[in-house]
Protein backbone atom coordinates (compact mmCIF):
# COMPACT_ATOMS: atom_id res chain seq x y z
CA MET A 1 -2.42 -2.32 15.61
CA ARG A 2 -4.95 -2.71 17.81
CA ARG A 3 -4.52 -4.87 21.28
CA ARG A 4 -7.14 -7.53 22.30
CA LYS A 5 -7.38 -9.85 25.45
CA GLY A 6 -8.71 -12.88 26.86
CA ALA A 7 -8.18 -15.09 23.97
CA CYS A 8 -7.91 -18.63 24.74
CA LEU A 9 -4.11 -19.68 23.27
CA VAL A 10 -1.72 -22.29 23.81
CA VAL A 11 1.84 -20.83 23.36
CA PRO A 12 4.55 -23.84 22.91
CA TRP A 13 6.28 -25.08 25.53
CA LEU A 14 10.08 -24.14 24.44
CA LEU A 15 8.85 -20.58 24.03
CA ILE A 16 7.61 -20.87 27.65
CA ALA A 17 10.73 -21.78 28.84
CA ALA A 18 12.64 -18.44 28.21
CA GLN A 19 10.67 -16.98 30.84
CA GLY A 20 12.32 -15.98 33.99
CA LEU A 21 16.12 -15.60 32.40
CA PRO A 22 18.23 -12.79 32.36
CA ALA A 23 16.83 -10.56 29.44
CA ALA A 24 20.69 -9.97 28.53
CA GLU A 25 20.74 -13.28 27.74
CA ARG A 26 18.08 -13.49 24.92
CA PRO A 27 16.75 -11.21 22.34
CA VAL A 28 13.32 -8.90 22.96
CA THR A 29 10.44 -9.27 20.30
CA VAL A 30 9.40 -6.07 19.14
CA SER A 31 6.65 -6.59 16.61
CA PRO A 32 4.39 -8.09 15.51
CA GLY A 33 2.49 -8.93 18.74
CA SER A 34 2.42 -8.38 22.35
CA THR A 35 3.98 -10.30 25.30
CA GLY A 36 0.77 -9.05 27.74
CA GLY A 37 -2.09 -9.35 25.32
CA VAL A 38 -2.57 -9.94 21.47
CA SER A 39 -2.24 -7.57 18.87
CA LEU A 40 -3.93 -7.52 15.42
CA VAL A 41 -1.91 -7.26 12.39
CA GLU A 42 -3.74 -6.54 8.82
CA SER A 43 -0.63 -8.27 6.65
CA ARG A 44 -0.30 -11.84 6.02
CA CYS A 45 3.23 -11.24 5.44
CA PRO A 46 4.11 -9.29 8.64
CA THR A 47 7.16 -7.85 9.10
CA PHE A 48 9.01 -9.68 12.43
CA SER A 49 11.25 -7.09 13.99
CA TRP A 50 13.64 -7.53 17.48
CA ALA A 51 16.14 -6.26 19.40
CA GLY A 52 19.19 -8.57 19.17
CA VAL A 53 21.90 -9.84 21.80
CA SER A 54 25.93 -8.88 20.97
CA ALA A 55 28.06 -11.31 19.40
CA ALA A 56 25.07 -13.48 17.78
CA LYS A 57 26.57 -15.63 14.90
CA SER A 58 22.83 -16.18 13.38
CA TYR A 59 19.12 -16.24 14.86
CA GLU A 60 16.41 -18.93 14.66
CA LEU A 61 13.02 -17.76 14.41
CA VAL A 62 10.35 -19.94 15.23
CA VAL A 63 6.34 -19.00 14.48
CA TYR A 64 3.65 -21.49 15.87
CA ARG A 65 -0.29 -21.67 15.67
CA ALA A 66 -1.63 -20.68 18.87
CA GLU A 67 -4.85 -21.78 18.88
CA GLU A 68 -5.44 -24.76 21.03
CA SER A 69 -6.97 -26.72 17.84
CA ALA A 70 -3.84 -26.18 16.26
CA GLY A 71 -1.90 -28.23 18.63
CA GLN A 72 2.03 -27.70 19.21
CA LYS A 73 3.98 -30.12 17.18
CA GLU A 74 5.86 -28.08 14.62
CA PRO A 75 6.22 -24.44 13.85
CA VAL A 76 4.32 -23.34 10.89
CA ILE A 77 7.98 -21.04 9.88
CA ARG A 78 11.44 -21.97 11.38
CA ILE A 79 14.18 -19.79 9.96
CA GLU A 80 17.74 -19.15 10.16
CA LEU A 81 19.02 -15.75 9.73
CA PRO A 82 22.74 -13.81 10.01
CA GLY A 83 23.41 -12.44 13.18
CA THR A 84 23.34 -9.06 11.77
CA ALA A 85 19.87 -9.38 11.52
CA SER A 86 17.01 -7.55 13.32
CA VAL A 87 14.27 -7.85 10.91
CA TRP A 88 12.55 -10.22 8.63
CA THR A 89 9.83 -10.40 6.36
CA PRO A 90 8.05 -13.56 4.79
CA SER A 91 8.03 -14.49 1.22
CA LEU A 92 4.65 -14.76 -0.46
CA ASP A 93 4.52 -18.69 0.12
CA GLN A 94 5.63 -18.28 3.87
CA CYS A 95 2.87 -15.64 4.38
CA LEU A 96 -0.20 -16.60 7.42
CA VAL A 97 -3.63 -17.46 6.97
CA ARG A 98 -6.20 -14.72 7.45
CA GLY A 99 -8.08 -15.37 11.06
CA GLY A 100 -4.85 -17.61 12.55
CA TRP A 101 -3.65 -16.45 16.07
CA TYR A 102 0.09 -16.90 16.05
CA ALA A 103 2.95 -16.90 18.45
CA TRP A 104 6.60 -16.06 17.73
CA SER A 105 10.08 -16.15 19.42
CA VAL A 106 13.80 -15.86 18.49
CA ARG A 107 16.74 -17.03 19.82
CA ALA A 108 20.41 -16.21 19.23
CA TRP A 109 23.20 -18.68 18.06
CA ARG A 110 26.84 -18.05 19.57
CA LYS A 111 29.19 -20.27 17.52
CA ALA A 112 27.71 -23.87 18.07
CA LYS A 113 25.62 -23.20 21.05
CA SER A 114 22.17 -21.69 21.28
CA GLY A 115 20.92 -18.85 23.52
CA ALA A 116 17.75 -18.73 25.32
CA TRP A 117 14.55 -18.39 23.38
CA SER A 118 12.60 -14.40 23.68
CA GLU A 119 9.52 -14.14 25.28
CA PRO A 120 6.49 -15.25 22.80
CA SER A 121 4.62 -12.52 21.36
CA VAL A 122 1.13 -13.26 20.39
CA PHE A 123 -0.75 -12.01 17.39
CA GLN A 124 -3.77 -12.84 15.25
CA VAL A 125 -4.03 -11.99 11.33
CA VAL A 126 -7.19 -9.72 10.80
CA ASP A 127 -9.75 -12.11 8.99
CA GLY A 128 -10.51 -9.19 6.53
CA PRO A 129 -9.30 -7.22 3.73
CA SER A 130 -5.84 -5.26 4.23
CA ARG A 131 -5.21 -1.69 3.32
CA ALA A 132 -2.98 -3.58 0.72
CA GLU A 133 -5.49 -5.36 -0.93
CA ILE A 134 -8.29 -2.72 -0.89
CA ALA A 135 -5.79 -0.43 -2.79
CA ALA A 136 -5.14 -2.83 -5.19
CA ALA A 137 -8.92 -3.62 -5.56
CA LEU A 138 -9.52 -0.03 -6.47
CA GLU A 139 -6.56 0.37 -8.60
CA ILE A 140 -8.68 0.74 -11.99
CA VAL A 141 -10.44 3.29 -9.89
CA GLU A 142 -7.21 5.37 -9.34
CA GLN A 143 -5.77 4.65 -13.12
CA THR A 144 -9.31 6.44 -14.26
CA ALA A 145 -8.60 9.35 -12.07
CA ASP A 146 -5.29 9.89 -14.00
CA ALA A 147 -6.99 8.79 -17.49
CA ALA A 148 -10.42 10.45 -17.47
CA PRO A 149 -10.87 12.75 -20.31
CA SER A 150 -10.61 16.38 -18.87
CA ALA A 151 -14.73 17.16 -20.35
CA GLY A 152 -15.89 14.83 -18.00
CA PRO A 153 -17.83 11.02 -18.20
CA VAL A 154 -19.14 10.51 -21.68
CA LYS A 155 -22.97 11.50 -21.09
CA PRO A 156 -24.93 8.48 -22.52
CA PRO A 157 -28.59 8.59 -24.30
CA HIS A 158 -29.88 7.74 -21.29
CA ARG A 159 -28.36 9.72 -18.38
CA PRO A 160 -29.22 8.21 -15.00
CA PRO A 161 -31.57 10.65 -13.48
CA GLY A 162 -30.64 13.14 -10.81
CA LEU A 163 -26.83 12.71 -11.69
CA ASP A 164 -25.32 15.55 -13.17
CA CYS A 165 -21.58 15.57 -13.00
CA ARG A 166 -21.19 16.86 -16.88
CA ARG A 167 -18.43 19.79 -15.33
CA GLY A 168 -15.88 17.43 -14.72
CA GLY A 169 -15.73 17.49 -11.28
CA ARG A 170 -15.61 14.66 -8.41
CA TYR A 171 -18.48 15.68 -6.63
CA GLU A 172 -21.87 17.43 -7.39
CA ASP A 173 -24.04 19.05 -4.69
CA ASN A 174 -27.77 18.32 -5.26
CA TRP A 175 -28.94 21.29 -3.16
CA ASP A 176 -31.31 18.79 -1.36
CA GLY A 177 -28.78 18.15 1.29
CA THR A 178 -26.99 15.62 -0.68
CA VAL A 179 -23.84 15.22 -2.59
CA THR A 180 -23.13 12.99 -5.62
CA ASP A 181 -19.74 10.73 -5.95
CA CYS A 182 -19.20 11.73 -9.52
CA ARG A 183 -17.16 8.89 -10.04
CA THR A 184 -19.09 5.72 -7.96
CA GLY A 185 -22.74 7.12 -8.39
CA LEU A 186 -23.16 7.03 -4.50
CA ILE A 187 -24.99 9.83 -3.05
CA TRP A 188 -23.72 11.06 0.72
CA LEU A 189 -25.44 13.15 3.29
CA ARG A 190 -24.01 16.71 2.59
CA ASP A 191 -23.54 17.06 6.54
CA ALA A 192 -20.88 14.93 7.56
CA SER A 193 -21.35 15.58 11.64
CA CYS A 194 -25.15 16.25 11.72
CA ASP A 195 -26.22 16.92 15.14
CA GLU A 196 -29.72 14.92 14.60
CA LEU A 197 -27.79 11.53 14.16
CA GLY A 198 -26.94 11.60 17.62
CA GLY A 199 -23.06 12.90 17.23
CA ASN A 200 -20.77 10.25 17.72
CA ASP A 201 -21.84 6.71 19.43
CA ASN A 202 -21.39 3.04 19.24
CA TRP A 203 -21.67 0.91 16.16
CA GLU A 204 -25.26 -0.39 16.59
CA ASN A 205 -26.63 3.10 17.47
CA MET A 206 -24.85 4.57 14.44
CA THR A 207 -26.30 1.58 12.14
CA ALA A 208 -29.89 2.57 13.51
CA ALA A 209 -29.31 6.34 13.20
CA ALA A 210 -28.38 6.17 9.32
CA ALA A 211 -31.27 3.84 8.93
CA GLY A 212 -33.80 6.13 10.33
CA LEU A 213 -32.04 9.04 8.26
CA ALA A 214 -35.02 10.79 6.00
CA ASP A 215 -36.38 13.44 4.20
CA GLY A 216 -36.63 16.40 6.84
CA LEU A 217 -33.60 15.64 8.75
CA CYS A 218 -30.26 16.99 8.70
CA GLY A 219 -31.11 19.49 5.73
CA LEU A 220 -32.67 16.74 3.47
CA THR A 221 -35.40 17.74 0.85
CA ASP A 222 -34.45 14.83 -1.48
CA GLY A 223 -37.78 12.54 -0.41
CA SER A 224 -36.17 9.86 1.05
CA GLN A 225 -37.58 7.73 3.58
CA PRO A 226 -36.24 5.64 6.47
CA GLY A 227 -34.28 2.58 5.04
CA PHE A 228 -32.76 4.47 2.26
CA TRP A 229 -29.69 5.02 4.23
CA ARG A 230 -26.89 3.23 5.58
CA LEU A 231 -23.41 2.94 6.46
CA PRO A 232 -20.96 2.99 4.09
CA THR A 233 -18.98 -0.15 3.05
CA VAL A 234 -15.06 -0.46 3.88
CA THR A 235 -14.70 -0.03 -0.41
CA GLU A 236 -17.00 2.37 -0.70
CA PHE A 237 -14.68 4.82 1.99
CA MET A 238 -11.90 3.61 0.30
CA GLU A 239 -13.02 4.91 -2.97
CA MET A 240 -13.91 7.96 -1.32
CA VAL A 241 -10.52 9.17 0.02
CA ALA A 242 -8.39 7.28 -2.61
CA SER A 243 -7.55 10.27 -4.52
CA ALA A 244 -6.84 12.35 -1.74
CA ASN A 245 -4.62 9.68 -0.45
CA ARG A 246 -3.06 9.35 -4.10
CA GLN A 247 -2.48 13.31 -3.79
CA GLY A 248 -1.07 13.49 -0.66
CA PHE A 249 -3.76 15.29 1.10
CA ASP A 250 -5.01 14.69 4.69
CA HIS A 251 -6.55 16.49 7.62
CA PRO A 252 -8.85 15.43 5.82
CA ALA A 253 -8.07 12.99 3.19
CA LEU A 254 -10.75 14.12 0.98
CA THR A 255 -10.83 16.28 -1.71
CA ASN A 256 -12.73 19.55 -2.96
CA ALA A 257 -15.72 19.30 -5.46
CA LYS A 258 -13.48 19.82 -8.47
CA GLY A 259 -11.16 17.03 -7.10
CA ASP A 260 -8.00 18.48 -7.75
CA ALA A 261 -7.34 20.40 -4.43
CA LYS A 262 -8.17 19.33 -0.70
CA TRP A 263 -11.34 20.02 0.99
CA THR A 264 -10.86 23.35 3.15
CA THR A 265 -13.89 24.89 3.98
CA ASP A 266 -17.93 24.05 4.50
CA GLY A 267 -19.79 23.89 1.49
CA ASP A 268 -16.73 22.36 -0.87
CA ALA A 269 -19.01 19.90 -1.18
CA PHE A 270 -19.66 18.71 2.08
CA VAL A 271 -20.01 20.40 5.37
CA GLY A 272 -19.08 19.31 8.96
CA VAL A 273 -16.32 16.75 7.82
CA GLU A 274 -14.63 15.62 11.72
CA HIS A 275 -11.24 15.68 10.66
CA SER A 276 -9.39 16.88 13.82
CA CYS A 277 -10.05 14.12 15.85
CA CYS A 278 -12.35 11.22 14.62
CA GLU A 279 -13.03 8.38 12.88
CA TYR A 280 -16.41 7.25 10.74
CA TRP A 281 -18.01 3.93 10.74
CA THR A 282 -18.25 1.51 7.99
CA SER A 283 -20.66 -1.13 7.59
CA SER A 284 -17.97 -3.94 7.51
CA GLU A 285 -17.75 -6.35 10.00
CA LEU A 286 -14.85 -8.76 10.63
CA ASP A 287 -15.71 -12.46 11.71
CA ASN A 288 -14.38 -11.55 15.29
CA GLY A 289 -17.09 -8.91 15.77
CA ASP A 290 -14.99 -5.92 15.08
CA VAL A 291 -15.98 -3.48 12.74
CA TRP A 292 -13.80 -1.44 9.90
CA ASP A 293 -13.77 2.17 10.71
CA MET A 294 -11.89 5.00 8.62
CA ASN A 295 -10.03 7.87 9.73
CA ILE A 296 -10.95 10.68 7.79
CA ARG A 297 -8.09 12.75 8.83
CA THR A 298 -5.31 10.22 7.52
CA GLY A 299 -7.19 8.24 4.89
CA ASP A 300 -6.27 5.33 6.92
CA LEU A 301 -9.01 1.96 8.04
CA ASP A 302 -9.05 1.31 11.78
CA ILE A 303 -10.56 -1.52 13.68
CA ASP A 304 -12.72 -0.79 16.82
CA GLY A 305 -15.03 -2.85 18.71
CA LYS A 306 -18.54 -2.06 18.34
CA PHE A 307 -18.73 -0.26 21.79
CA ALA A 308 -16.31 2.36 20.84
CA ARG A 309 -17.66 5.85 20.02
CA ASN A 310 -17.21 6.84 15.89
CA TRP A 311 -19.08 9.32 13.92
CA VAL A 312 -21.66 8.26 10.90
CA TRP A 313 -21.52 9.62 7.51
CA PRO A 314 -24.73 7.70 5.90
CA VAL A 315 -24.79 7.02 2.14
CA ARG A 316 -27.20 5.75 -0.35
CA SER A 317 -27.28 4.58 -3.87
CA GLY A 318 -28.08 7.02 -6.31
CA LEU A 319 -31.60 6.14 -7.41
CA GLU A 320 -30.94 2.21 -7.44
CA GLU A 321 -28.27 2.99 -9.87
CA THR A 322 -25.62 0.04 -9.98
CA THR A 323 -21.97 -0.61 -11.44
CA ARG A 324 -20.93 -2.90 -13.91
CA ILE A 325 -17.80 -4.01 -15.20
CA ALA A 326 -17.64 -4.21 -18.91
CA THR A 327 -14.65 -5.90 -20.60
CA GLY A 328 -13.43 -6.33 -24.26
CA SER A 329 -10.40 -6.37 -26.61
CA PRO A 330 -9.18 -3.54 -27.32
CA ASN A 331 -12.87 -1.70 -26.41
CA ALA A 332 -15.01 -2.39 -23.21
CA ILE A 333 -18.30 -0.84 -24.21
CA CYS A 334 -21.11 0.52 -21.82
CA SER A 335 -24.50 0.04 -23.08
CA ASP A 336 -27.09 3.02 -24.18
CA SER A 337 -28.67 3.03 -21.04
CA GLU A 338 -25.35 3.19 -18.96
CA MET A 339 -22.77 6.16 -18.27
CA LEU A 340 -19.13 5.47 -18.37
CA VAL A 341 -17.32 6.64 -15.18
CA GLY A 342 -13.90 5.26 -15.91
CA GLY A 343 -11.75 2.39 -17.20
CA GLY A 344 -8.14 0.34 -17.08
CA CYS A 345 -6.01 -2.06 -18.76
CA ASP A 346 -2.94 -3.55 -18.08
CA CYS A 347 -0.08 -3.63 -20.90
CA GLY A 348 2.68 -4.93 -18.45
CA SER A 349 5.29 -3.15 -16.74
CA ASN A 350 7.53 -2.13 -19.62
CA ALA A 351 4.71 -1.26 -22.15
CA VAL A 352 3.26 2.32 -22.88
CA ARG A 353 -0.27 2.50 -22.07
CA THR A 354 -2.53 4.86 -23.90
CA SER A 355 -6.55 4.80 -22.33
CA THR A 356 -9.00 6.61 -23.83
CA ALA A 357 -12.94 7.27 -23.57
CA VAL A 358 -14.54 7.56 -26.55
CA ASP A 359 -18.21 6.71 -27.52
CA ASN A 360 -19.24 5.26 -24.13
CA SER A 361 -16.71 2.98 -24.27
CA TRP A 362 -13.10 2.61 -22.61
CA SER A 363 -10.37 2.22 -25.31
CA CYS A 364 -6.56 0.33 -24.39
CA ARG A 365 -3.66 0.37 -26.85
CA CYS A 366 -0.13 -1.05 -25.68
CA ASP A 367 2.90 0.16 -27.11
CA GLY A 368 0.66 1.96 -30.52
CA THR A 369 -1.08 -1.23 -31.02
CA PRO A 370 -4.52 -2.82 -29.66
CA PHE A 371 -4.35 -4.38 -26.43
CA ASN A 372 -4.68 -8.10 -27.17
CA GLY A 373 -6.04 -8.81 -23.98
CA ASP A 374 -8.86 -7.42 -22.11
CA ALA A 375 -10.02 -3.40 -21.58
CA THR A 376 -12.16 -2.52 -18.78
CA ALA A 377 -14.73 0.05 -18.60
CA ILE A 378 -16.83 0.81 -15.46
CA CYS A 379 -20.54 1.43 -16.19
CA LEU A 380 -22.74 3.42 -14.24
CA ARG A 381 -26.21 1.97 -14.99
CA ASN A 382 -30.09 2.58 -14.12
CA PRO A 383 -31.89 -0.72 -14.51
């Protein structure tokens, strides 16, 4: 959770009234937020926690919008909780607004008498996808990792040029300074810490360094030119680490070329992975000007100001390949000019699901019968 200062906020007067009173007479907020600044939180439904007071019969918790434009009339959340409580998580219908600034406080009730409000804690809900939301968006990709046939993706009549993942692995060393992700079709720079890109630097410089990458730099002999390469998006980086996260790999959260073990050594398939200390920039900006970055050590996303110093791991599309989502019932079919790279289906929580890749299509069965909804196929195409 990152702390920010200097925001122009309004904290309701009844919360300010708590300041200056003895600490023993009021609860102390723990999370989310800060009493000395502003903290960023990912979830729209953060868990509120506090240190309570003795002999409390119940607690009253309030959450206010803290922007000047929001006013101070009524809290957006007011709830009474039992005296044994020290944490509370909002239900889905009580979740907060992305990008909103909030102040919250809690007070104890002893019998019919209320105690003093805690000092208010202030936080902002990040205006961007949370880890959980990104993970949900990538669920189909993870289902693919579990369900894809061991022989690898089905080869269509017109296989995209330069893409050779027939061995069924996750990454393919192209022997030209690049590595292809067999699941997404993205092409990554093989050297994850190339000195010719300037080491680690601020976001603006690293964005320019990635855009300036070309054949002859960082071991590249792929014929690429300036403008071909870029920073990966937050979703692309999450796709890269998702399988490692699922298998419990960290330091780094990256699989080997085959995809069944943790990356441990240079050449399998990448070199120079900075996993002992460092984070990599993404191209995904938040509305407040900050940027998502990937902690390759743990496989977690983080948020940094653009002035921070992080590493760069350039990526480019696979010779203009793009990914298309095809749907159908019970089969989702890729065209002859596309390659099936995965798929999925939703049979409900109690149904037995069988997913198979046959003839460049993804087939779903639920409880042994044709699925009466949509199957989903992820098709890699080369226009």
